[in-house]
Amino acid sequence: MAELTSMLNIGKELEKKLKAVDINSAEELTQIGSKDAFFRLKLHYPNVCLVHLQALQAAIDNTDYTMLSDEVKRDLKNFSDGLK
């Protein structure tokens, strides 16, 4: 199992938060998906924001979060806004 920090965009702080919501490896994050992972984070850490969701998706896609397509960014924003 690969460490979460082996993924792009996942630093020690985000890794700590993901582990707190029982996401312990890169494979688990990929299987769960960015939206479900973000939802879990939002329940425990209400201050997580759209940038966290984008970072999760970009980590799964193995790209920098600034390189997500506009379509993906819109989809993630709509999802994040729906949780407010």
PDB file of N, CA and C in Angstrom:
ATOM      1  N   MET A   1       0.846  -1.190   0.000  1.00  0.00           N
ATOM      2  CA  MET A   1       0.000   0.000   0.000  1.00  0.00           C
ATOM      3  C   MET A   1       0.886   1.246   0.000  1.00  0.00           C
ATOM      4  N   ALA A   2       0.589   2.144  -0.902  1.00  0.00           N
ATOM      5  CA  ALA A   2       1.377   3.370  -1.025  1.00  0.00           C
ATOM      6  C   ALA A   2       0.927   4.403   0.009  1.00  0.00           C
ATOM      7  N   GLU A   3       1.887   5.116   0.514  1.00  0.00           N
ATOM      8  CA  GLU A   3       1.595   6.202   1.458  1.00  0.00           C
ATOM      9  C   GLU A   3       0.790   7.292   0.760  1.00  0.00           C
ATOM     10  N   LEU A   4      -0.071   7.944   1.508  1.00  0.00           N
ATOM     11  CA  LEU A   4      -0.833   9.059   0.957  1.00  0.00           C
ATOM     12  C   LEU A   4       0.093  10.161   0.454  1.00  0.00           C
ATOM     13  N   THR A   5       1.176  10.402   1.191  1.00  0.00           N
ATOM     14  CA  THR A   5       2.089  11.482   0.806  1.00  0.00           C
ATOM     15  C   THR A   5       2.893  11.154  -0.443  1.00  0.00           C
ATOM     16  N   SER A   6       2.767   9.925  -0.953  1.00  0.00           N
ATOM     17  CA  SER A   6       3.419   9.599  -2.226  1.00  0.00           C
ATOM     18  C   SER A   6       2.638  10.180  -3.400  1.00  0.00           C
ATOM     19  N   MET A   7       1.427  10.637  -3.124  1.00  0.00           N
ATOM     20  CA  MET A   7       0.577  11.215  -4.170  1.00  0.00           C
ATOM     21  C   MET A   7       0.846  12.712  -4.285  1.00  0.00           C
ATOM     22  N   LEU A   8       0.736  13.223  -5.507  1.00  0.00           N
ATOM     23  CA  LEU A   8       0.842  14.662  -5.702  1.00  0.00           C
ATOM     24  C   LEU A   8      -0.228  15.372  -4.881  1.00  0.00           C
ATOM     25  N   ASN A   9       0.093  16.531  -4.357  1.00  0.00           N
ATOM     26  CA  ASN A   9      -0.848  17.404  -3.644  1.00  0.00           C
ATOM     27  C   ASN A   9      -1.200  16.957  -2.227  1.00  0.00           C
ATOM     28  N   ILE A  10      -0.691  15.809  -1.785  1.00  0.00           N
ATOM     29  CA  ILE A  10      -1.011  15.327  -0.436  1.00  0.00           C
ATOM     30  C   ILE A  10       0.210  15.515   0.448  1.00  0.00           C
ATOM     31  N   GLY A  11       0.123  16.506   1.327  1.00  0.00           N
ATOM     32  CA  GLY A  11       1.200  16.756   2.276  1.00  0.00           C
ATOM     33  C   GLY A  11       0.889  16.112   3.615  1.00  0.00           C
ATOM     34  N   LYS A  12       1.747  16.354   4.571  1.00  0.00           N
ATOM     35  CA  LYS A  12       1.601  15.741   5.899  1.00  0.00           C
ATOM     36  C   LYS A  12       0.282  16.128   6.568  1.00  0.00           C
ATOM     37  N   GLU A  13      -0.114  17.397   6.454  1.00  0.00           N
ATOM     38  CA  GLU A  13      -1.335  17.854   7.131  1.00  0.00           C
ATOM     39  C   GLU A  13      -2.588  17.202   6.529  1.00  0.00           C
ATOM     40  N   LEU A  14      -2.661  17.157   5.211  1.00  0.00           N
ATOM     41  CA  LEU A  14      -3.817  16.520   4.580  1.00  0.00           C
ATOM     42  C   LEU A  14      -3.797  15.014   4.838  1.00  0.00           C
ATOM     43  N   GLU A  15      -2.615  14.424   4.845  1.00  0.00           N
ATOM     44  CA  GLU A  15      -2.501  13.001   5.175  1.00  0.00           C
ATOM     45  C   GLU A  15      -3.046  12.737   6.581  1.00  0.00           C
ATOM     46  N   LYS A  16      -2.693  13.570   7.522  1.00  0.00           N
ATOM     47  CA  LYS A  16      -3.159  13.422   8.904  1.00  0.00           C
ATOM     48  C   LYS A  16      -4.686  13.480   8.969  1.00  0.00           C
ATOM     49  N   LYS A  17      -5.266  14.421   8.234  1.00  0.00           N
ATOM     50  CA  LYS A  17      -6.729  14.552   8.231  1.00  0.00           C
ATOM     51  C   LYS A  17      -7.382  13.340   7.560  1.00  0.00           C
ATOM     52  N   LEU A  18      -6.810  12.879   6.470  1.00  0.00           N
ATOM     53  CA  LEU A  18      -7.375  11.716   5.796  1.00  0.00           C
ATOM     54  C   LEU A  18      -7.317  10.483   6.687  1.00  0.00           C
ATOM     55  N   LYS A  19      -6.210  10.300   7.371  1.00  0.00           N
ATOM     56  CA  LYS A  19      -6.103   9.148   8.279  1.00  0.00           C
ATOM     57  C   LYS A  19      -7.113   9.246   9.421  1.00  0.00           C
ATOM     58  N   ALA A  20      -7.412  10.472   9.848  1.00  0.00           N
ATOM     59  CA  ALA A  20      -8.394  10.666  10.924  1.00  0.00           C
ATOM     60  C   ALA A  20      -9.800  10.243  10.495  1.00  0.00           C
ATOM     61  N   VAL A  21     -10.050  10.238   9.177  1.00  0.00           N
ATOM     62  CA  VAL A  21     -11.355   9.796   8.675  1.00  0.00           C
ATOM     63  C   VAL A  21     -11.253   8.414   8.018  1.00  0.00           C
ATOM     64  N   ASP A  22     -10.215   7.669   8.434  1.00  0.00           N
ATOM     65  CA  ASP A  22     -10.037   6.264   8.051  1.00  0.00           C
ATOM     66  C   ASP A  22      -9.733   6.058   6.569  1.00  0.00           C
ATOM     67  N   ILE A  23      -8.965   6.975   5.999  1.00  0.00           N
ATOM     68  CA  ILE A  23      -8.414   6.798   4.654  1.00  0.00           C
ATOM     69  C   ILE A  23      -6.909   6.761   4.853  1.00  0.00           C
ATOM     70  N   ASN A  24      -6.323   5.567   4.732  1.00  0.00           N
ATOM     71  CA  ASN A  24      -4.956   5.354   5.184  1.00  0.00           C
ATOM     72  C   ASN A  24      -3.923   5.112   4.088  1.00  0.00           C
ATOM     73  N   SER A  25      -4.356   5.023   2.846  1.00  0.00           N
ATOM     74  CA  SER A  25      -3.392   4.750   1.777  1.00  0.00           C
ATOM     75  C   SER A  25      -3.849   5.408   0.482  1.00  0.00           C
ATOM     76  N   ALA A  26      -2.917   5.494  -0.452  1.00  0.00           N
ATOM     77  CA  ALA A  26      -3.228   6.043  -1.776  1.00  0.00           C
ATOM     78  C   ALA A  26      -4.305   5.201  -2.456  1.00  0.00           C
ATOM     79  N   GLU A  27      -4.211   3.896  -2.298  1.00  0.00           N
ATOM     80  CA  GLU A  27      -5.194   3.000  -2.907  1.00  0.00           C
ATOM     81  C   GLU A  27      -6.596   3.233  -2.332  1.00  0.00           C
ATOM     82  N   GLU A  28      -6.677   3.423  -1.022  1.00  0.00           N
ATOM     83  CA  GLU A  28      -7.980   3.681  -0.402  1.00  0.00           C
ATOM     84  C   GLU A  28      -8.567   4.989  -0.913  1.00  0.00           C
ATOM     85  N   LEU A  29      -7.745   6.025  -1.017  1.00  0.00           N
ATOM     86  CA  LEU A  29      -8.240   7.308  -1.513  1.00  0.00           C
ATOM     87  C   LEU A  29      -8.740   7.155  -2.946  1.00  0.00           C
ATOM     88  N   THR A  30      -8.000   6.460  -3.761  1.00  0.00           N
ATOM     89  CA  THR A  30      -8.398   6.256  -5.154  1.00  0.00           C
ATOM     90  C   THR A  30      -9.707   5.479  -5.241  1.00  0.00           C
ATOM     91  N   GLN A  31      -9.831   4.456  -4.405  1.00  0.00           N
ATOM     92  CA  GLN A  31     -11.055   3.642  -4.409  1.00  0.00           C
ATOM     93  C   GLN A  31     -12.256   4.444  -3.911  1.00  0.00           C
ATOM     94  N   ILE A  32     -12.073   5.211  -2.868  1.00  0.00           N
ATOM     95  CA  ILE A  32     -13.170   5.987  -2.270  1.00  0.00           C
ATOM     96  C   ILE A  32     -13.583   7.133  -3.184  1.00  0.00           C
ATOM     97  N   GLY A  33     -12.603   7.782  -3.794  1.00  0.00           N
ATOM     98  CA  GLY A  33     -12.877   8.918  -4.667  1.00  0.00           C
ATOM     99  C   GLY A  33     -12.805  10.236  -3.922  1.00  0.00           C
ATOM    100  N   SER A  34     -12.585  11.278  -4.668  1.00  0.00           N
ATOM    101  CA  SER A  34     -12.374  12.598  -4.062  1.00  0.00           C
ATOM    102  C   SER A  34     -13.615  13.123  -3.346  1.00  0.00           C
ATOM    103  N   LYS A  35     -14.774  12.921  -3.927  1.00  0.00           N
ATOM    104  CA  LYS A  35     -15.993  13.491  -3.333  1.00  0.00           C
ATOM    105  C   LYS A  35     -16.341  12.824  -2.010  1.00  0.00           C
ATOM    106  N   ASP A  36     -16.299  11.499  -1.968  1.00  0.00           N
ATOM    107  CA  ASP A  36     -16.601  10.819  -0.709  1.00  0.00           C
ATOM    108  C   ASP A  36     -15.543  11.123   0.350  1.00  0.00           C
ATOM    109  N   ALA A  37     -14.290  11.192  -0.069  1.00  0.00           N
ATOM    110  CA  ALA A  37     -13.226  11.534   0.876  1.00  0.00           C
ATOM    111  C   ALA A  37     -13.437  12.943   1.409  1.00  0.00           C
ATOM    112  N   PHE A  38     -13.785  13.869   0.527  1.00  0.00           N
ATOM    113  CA  PHE A  38     -14.026  15.253   0.947  1.00  0.00           C
ATOM    114  C   PHE A  38     -15.218  15.329   1.894  1.00  0.00           C
ATOM    115  N   PHE A  39     -16.260  14.580   1.602  1.00  0.00           N
ATOM    116  CA  PHE A  39     -17.432  14.558   2.476  1.00  0.00           C
ATOM    117  C   PHE A  39     -17.046  14.104   3.877  1.00  0.00           C
ATOM    118  N   ARG A  40     -16.259  13.050   3.959  1.00  0.00           N
ATOM    119  CA  ARG A  40     -15.791  12.579   5.270  1.00  0.00           C
ATOM    120  C   ARG A  40     -14.980  13.666   5.980  1.00  0.00           C
ATOM    121  N   LEU A  41     -14.093  14.309   5.228  1.00  0.00           N
ATOM    122  CA  LEU A  41     -13.278  15.386   5.821  1.00  0.00           C
ATOM    123  C   LEU A  41     -14.169  16.520   6.320  1.00  0.00           C
ATOM    124  N   LYS A  42     -15.148  16.889   5.523  1.00  0.00           N
ATOM    125  CA  LYS A  42     -16.026  18.013   5.864  1.00  0.00           C
ATOM    126  C   LYS A  42     -16.777  17.750   7.165  1.00  0.00           C
ATOM    127  N   LEU A  43     -17.150  16.493   7.407  1.00  0.00           N
ATOM    128  CA  LEU A  43     -17.855  16.155   8.649  1.00  0.00           C
ATOM    129  C   LEU A  43     -16.967  16.370   9.872  1.00  0.00           C
ATOM    130  N   HIS A  44     -15.686  16.073   9.749  1.00  0.00           N
ATOM    131  CA  HIS A  44     -14.758  16.182  10.873  1.00  0.00           C
ATOM    132  C   HIS A  44     -14.025  17.514  10.927  1.00  0.00           C
ATOM    133  N   TYR A  45     -13.834  18.113   9.767  1.00  0.00           N
ATOM    134  CA  TYR A  45     -13.099  19.378   9.654  1.00  0.00           C
ATOM    135  C   TYR A  45     -13.926  20.346   8.816  1.00  0.00           C
ATOM    136  N   PRO A  46     -14.880  21.033   9.445  1.00  0.00           N
ATOM    137  CA  PRO A  46     -15.790  21.900   8.681  1.00  0.00           C
ATOM    138  C   PRO A  46     -15.098  22.997   7.871  1.00  0.00           C
ATOM    139  N   ASN A  47     -13.866  23.305   8.205  1.00  0.00           N
ATOM    140  CA  ASN A  47     -13.171  24.374   7.495  1.00  0.00           C
ATOM    141  C   ASN A  47     -12.469  23.922   6.221  1.00  0.00           C
ATOM    142  N   VAL A  48     -12.503  22.627   5.883  1.00  0.00           N
ATOM    143  CA  VAL A  48     -11.906  22.225   4.610  1.00  0.00           C
ATOM    144  C   VAL A  48     -12.704  22.894   3.494  1.00  0.00           C
ATOM    145  N   CYS A  49     -12.014  23.206   2.407  1.00  0.00           N
ATOM    146  CA  CYS A  49     -12.646  23.994   1.353  1.00  0.00           C
ATOM    147  C   CYS A  49     -12.434  23.361  -0.011  1.00  0.00           C
ATOM    148  N   LEU A  50     -12.903  24.056  -1.016  1.00  0.00           N
ATOM    149  CA  LEU A  50     -12.831  23.586  -2.389  1.00  0.00           C
ATOM    150  C   LEU A  50     -11.410  23.213  -2.802  1.00  0.00           C
ATOM    151  N   VAL A  51     -10.424  23.940  -2.335  1.00  0.00           N
ATOM    152  CA  VAL A  51      -9.032  23.635  -2.686  1.00  0.00           C
ATOM    153  C   VAL A  51      -8.654  22.237  -2.205  1.00  0.00           C
ATOM    154  N   HIS A  52      -9.146  21.827  -1.048  1.00  0.00           N
ATOM    155  CA  HIS A  52      -8.882  20.477  -0.554  1.00  0.00           C
ATOM    156  C   HIS A  52      -9.500  19.434  -1.501  1.00  0.00           C
ATOM    157  N   LEU A  53     -10.713  19.691  -1.916  1.00  0.00           N
ATOM    158  CA  LEU A  53     -11.389  18.770  -2.832  1.00  0.00           C
ATOM    159  C   LEU A  53     -10.626  18.685  -4.155  1.00  0.00           C
ATOM    160  N   GLN A  54     -10.192  19.811  -4.657  1.00  0.00           N
ATOM    161  CA  GLN A  54      -9.417  19.822  -5.898  1.00  0.00           C
ATOM    162  C   GLN A  54      -8.103  19.077  -5.722  1.00  0.00           C
ATOM    163  N   ALA A  55      -7.473  19.263  -4.588  1.00  0.00           N
ATOM    164  CA  ALA A  55      -6.211  18.561  -4.321  1.00  0.00           C
ATOM    165  C   ALA A  55      -6.424  17.050  -4.287  1.00  0.00           C
ATOM    166  N   LEU A  56      -7.516  16.615  -3.692  1.00  0.00           N
ATOM    167  CA  LEU A  56      -7.821  15.187  -3.640  1.00  0.00           C
ATOM    168  C   LEU A  56      -8.037  14.623  -5.042  1.00  0.00           C
ATOM    169  N   GLN A  57      -8.837  15.327  -5.843  1.00  0.00           N
ATOM    170  CA  GLN A  57      -9.098  14.850  -7.195  1.00  0.00           C
ATOM    171  C   GLN A  57      -7.814  14.819  -8.020  1.00  0.00           C
ATOM    172  N   ALA A  58      -7.021  15.867  -7.905  1.00  0.00           N
ATOM    173  CA  ALA A  58      -5.772  15.924  -8.659  1.00  0.00           C
ATOM    174  C   ALA A  58      -4.802  14.832  -8.208  1.00  0.00           C
ATOM    175  N   ALA A  59      -4.804  14.511  -6.918  1.00  0.00           N
ATOM    176  CA  ALA A  59      -3.958  13.423  -6.418  1.00  0.00           C
ATOM    177  C   ALA A  59      -4.371  12.105  -7.063  1.00  0.00           C
ATOM    178  N   ILE A  60      -5.654  11.868  -7.137  1.00  0.00           N
ATOM    179  CA  ILE A  60      -6.163  10.647  -7.769  1.00  0.00           C
ATOM    180  C   ILE A  60      -5.805  10.629  -9.257  1.00  0.00           C
ATOM    181  N   ASP A  61      -5.872  11.799  -9.889  1.00  0.00           N
ATOM    182  CA  ASP A  61      -5.559  11.909 -11.323  1.00  0.00           C
ATOM    183  C   ASP A  61      -4.057  12.015 -11.594  1.00  0.00           C
ATOM    184  N   ASN A  62      -3.262  12.062 -10.528  1.00  0.00           N
ATOM    185  CA  ASN A  62      -1.807  12.177 -10.636  1.00  0.00           C
ATOM    186  C   ASN A  62      -1.378  13.421 -11.419  1.00  0.00           C
ATOM    187  N   THR A  63      -1.962  14.554 -11.044  1.00  0.00           N
ATOM    188  CA  THR A  63      -1.632  15.828 -11.664  1.00  0.00           C
ATOM    189  C   THR A  63      -1.647  16.925 -10.603  1.00  0.00           C
ATOM    190  N   ASP A  64      -1.070  18.049 -10.915  1.00  0.00           N
ATOM    191  CA  ASP A  64      -1.126  19.195 -10.006  1.00  0.00           C
ATOM    192  C   ASP A  64      -2.553  19.730  -9.989  1.00  0.00           C
ATOM    193  N   TYR A  65      -3.022  20.168  -8.835  1.00  0.00           N
ATOM    194  CA  TYR A  65      -4.411  20.610  -8.742  1.00  0.00           C
ATOM    195  C   TYR A  65      -4.696  21.819  -9.630  1.00  0.00           C
ATOM    196  N   THR A  66      -3.694  22.588  -9.973  1.00  0.00           N
ATOM    197  CA  THR A  66      -3.907  23.739 -10.854  1.00  0.00           C
ATOM    198  C   THR A  66      -4.133  23.308 -12.307  1.00  0.00           C
ATOM    199  N   MET A  67      -3.893  22.039 -12.605  1.00  0.00           N
ATOM    200  CA  MET A  67      -4.026  21.543 -13.970  1.00  0.00           C
ATOM    201  C   MET A  67      -5.360  20.833 -14.232  1.00  0.00           C
ATOM    202  N   LEU A  68      -6.257  20.829 -13.265  1.00  0.00           N
ATOM    203  CA  LEU A  68      -7.568  20.219 -13.484  1.00  0.00           C
ATOM    204  C   LEU A  68      -8.317  20.988 -14.567  1.00  0.00           C
ATOM    205  N   SER A  69      -9.076  20.284 -15.356  1.00  0.00           N
ATOM    206  CA  SER A  69      -9.837  20.949 -16.432  1.00  0.00           C
ATOM    207  C   SER A  69     -10.930  21.832 -15.827  1.00  0.00           C
ATOM    208  N   ASP A  70     -11.374  22.797 -16.607  1.00  0.00           N
ATOM    209  CA  ASP A  70     -12.450  23.684 -16.148  1.00  0.00           C
ATOM    210  C   ASP A  70     -13.717  22.895 -15.848  1.00  0.00           C
ATOM    211  N   GLU A  71     -13.975  21.874 -16.633  1.00  0.00           N
ATOM    212  CA  GLU A  71     -15.156  21.047 -16.418  1.00  0.00           C
ATOM    213  C   GLU A  71     -15.085  20.329 -15.076  1.00  0.00           C
ATOM    214  N   VAL A  72     -13.933  19.756 -14.763  1.00  0.00           N
ATOM    215  CA  VAL A  72     -13.750  19.068 -13.481  1.00  0.00           C
ATOM    216  C   VAL A  72     -13.852  20.079 -12.336  1.00  0.00           C
ATOM    217  N   LYS A  73     -13.246  21.234 -12.493  1.00  0.00           N
ATOM    218  CA  LYS A  73     -13.312  22.269 -11.456  1.00  0.00           C
ATOM    219  C   LYS A  73     -14.752  22.693 -11.192  1.00  0.00           C
ATOM    220  N   ARG A  74     -15.545  22.863 -12.255  1.00  0.00           N
ATOM    221  CA  ARG A  74     -16.960  23.231 -12.085  1.00  0.00           C
ATOM    222  C   ARG A  74     -17.718  22.135 -11.344  1.00  0.00           C
ATOM    223  N   ASP A  75     -17.482  20.890 -11.730  1.00  0.00           N
ATOM    224  CA  ASP A  75     -18.153  19.762 -11.080  1.00  0.00           C
ATOM    225  C   ASP A  75     -17.805  19.715  -9.593  1.00  0.00           C
ATOM    226  N   LEU A  76     -16.532  19.875  -9.275  1.00  0.00           N
ATOM    227  CA  LEU A  76     -16.115  19.838  -7.875  1.00  0.00           C
ATOM    228  C   LEU A  76     -16.685  21.017  -7.098  1.00  0.00           C
ATOM    229  N   LYS A  77     -16.734  22.184  -7.725  1.00  0.00           N
ATOM    230  CA  LYS A  77     -17.297  23.365  -7.051  1.00  0.00           C
ATOM    231  C   LYS A  77     -18.776  23.147  -6.761  1.00  0.00           C
ATOM    232  N   ASN A  78     -19.506  22.617  -7.726  1.00  0.00           N
ATOM    233  CA  ASN A  78     -20.928  22.336  -7.515  1.00  0.00           C
ATOM    234  C   ASN A  78     -21.122  21.356  -6.369  1.00  0.00           C
ATOM    235  N   PHE A  79     -20.293  20.333  -6.316  1.00  0.00           N
ATOM    236  CA  PHE A  79     -20.381  19.362  -5.233  1.00  0.00           C
ATOM    237  C   PHE A  79     -20.092  20.025  -3.895  1.00  0.00           C
ATOM    238  N   SER A  80     -19.017  20.799  -3.836  1.00  0.00           N
ATOM    239  CA  SER A  80     -18.629  21.484  -2.589  1.00  0.00           C
ATOM    240  C   SER A  80     -19.719  22.456  -2.146  1.00  0.00           C
ATOM    241  N   ASP A  81     -20.248  23.223  -3.085  1.00  0.00           N
ATOM    242  CA  ASP A  81     -21.316  24.180  -2.756  1.00  0.00           C
ATOM    243  C   ASP A  81     -22.557  23.467  -2.234  1.00  0.00           C
ATOM    244  N   GLY A  82     -22.813  22.278  -2.739  1.00  0.00           N
ATOM    245  CA  GLY A  82     -23.980  21.514  -2.299  1.00  0.00           C
ATOM    246  C   GLY A  82     -23.891  21.014  -0.867  1.00  0.00           C
ATOM    247  N   LEU A  83     -22.679  21.022  -0.314  1.00  0.00           N
ATOM    248  CA  LEU A  83     -22.507  20.579   1.075  1.00  0.00           C
ATOM    249  C   LEU A  83     -22.687  21.706   2.085  1.00  0.00           C
ATOM    250  N   LYS A  84     -22.826  22.917   1.612  1.00  0.00           N
ATOM    251  CA  LYS A  84     -22.934  24.072   2.527  1.00  0.00           C
ATOM    252  C   LYS A  84     -24.299  24.196   3.123  1.00  0.00           C
TER     253      LYS A  84
END
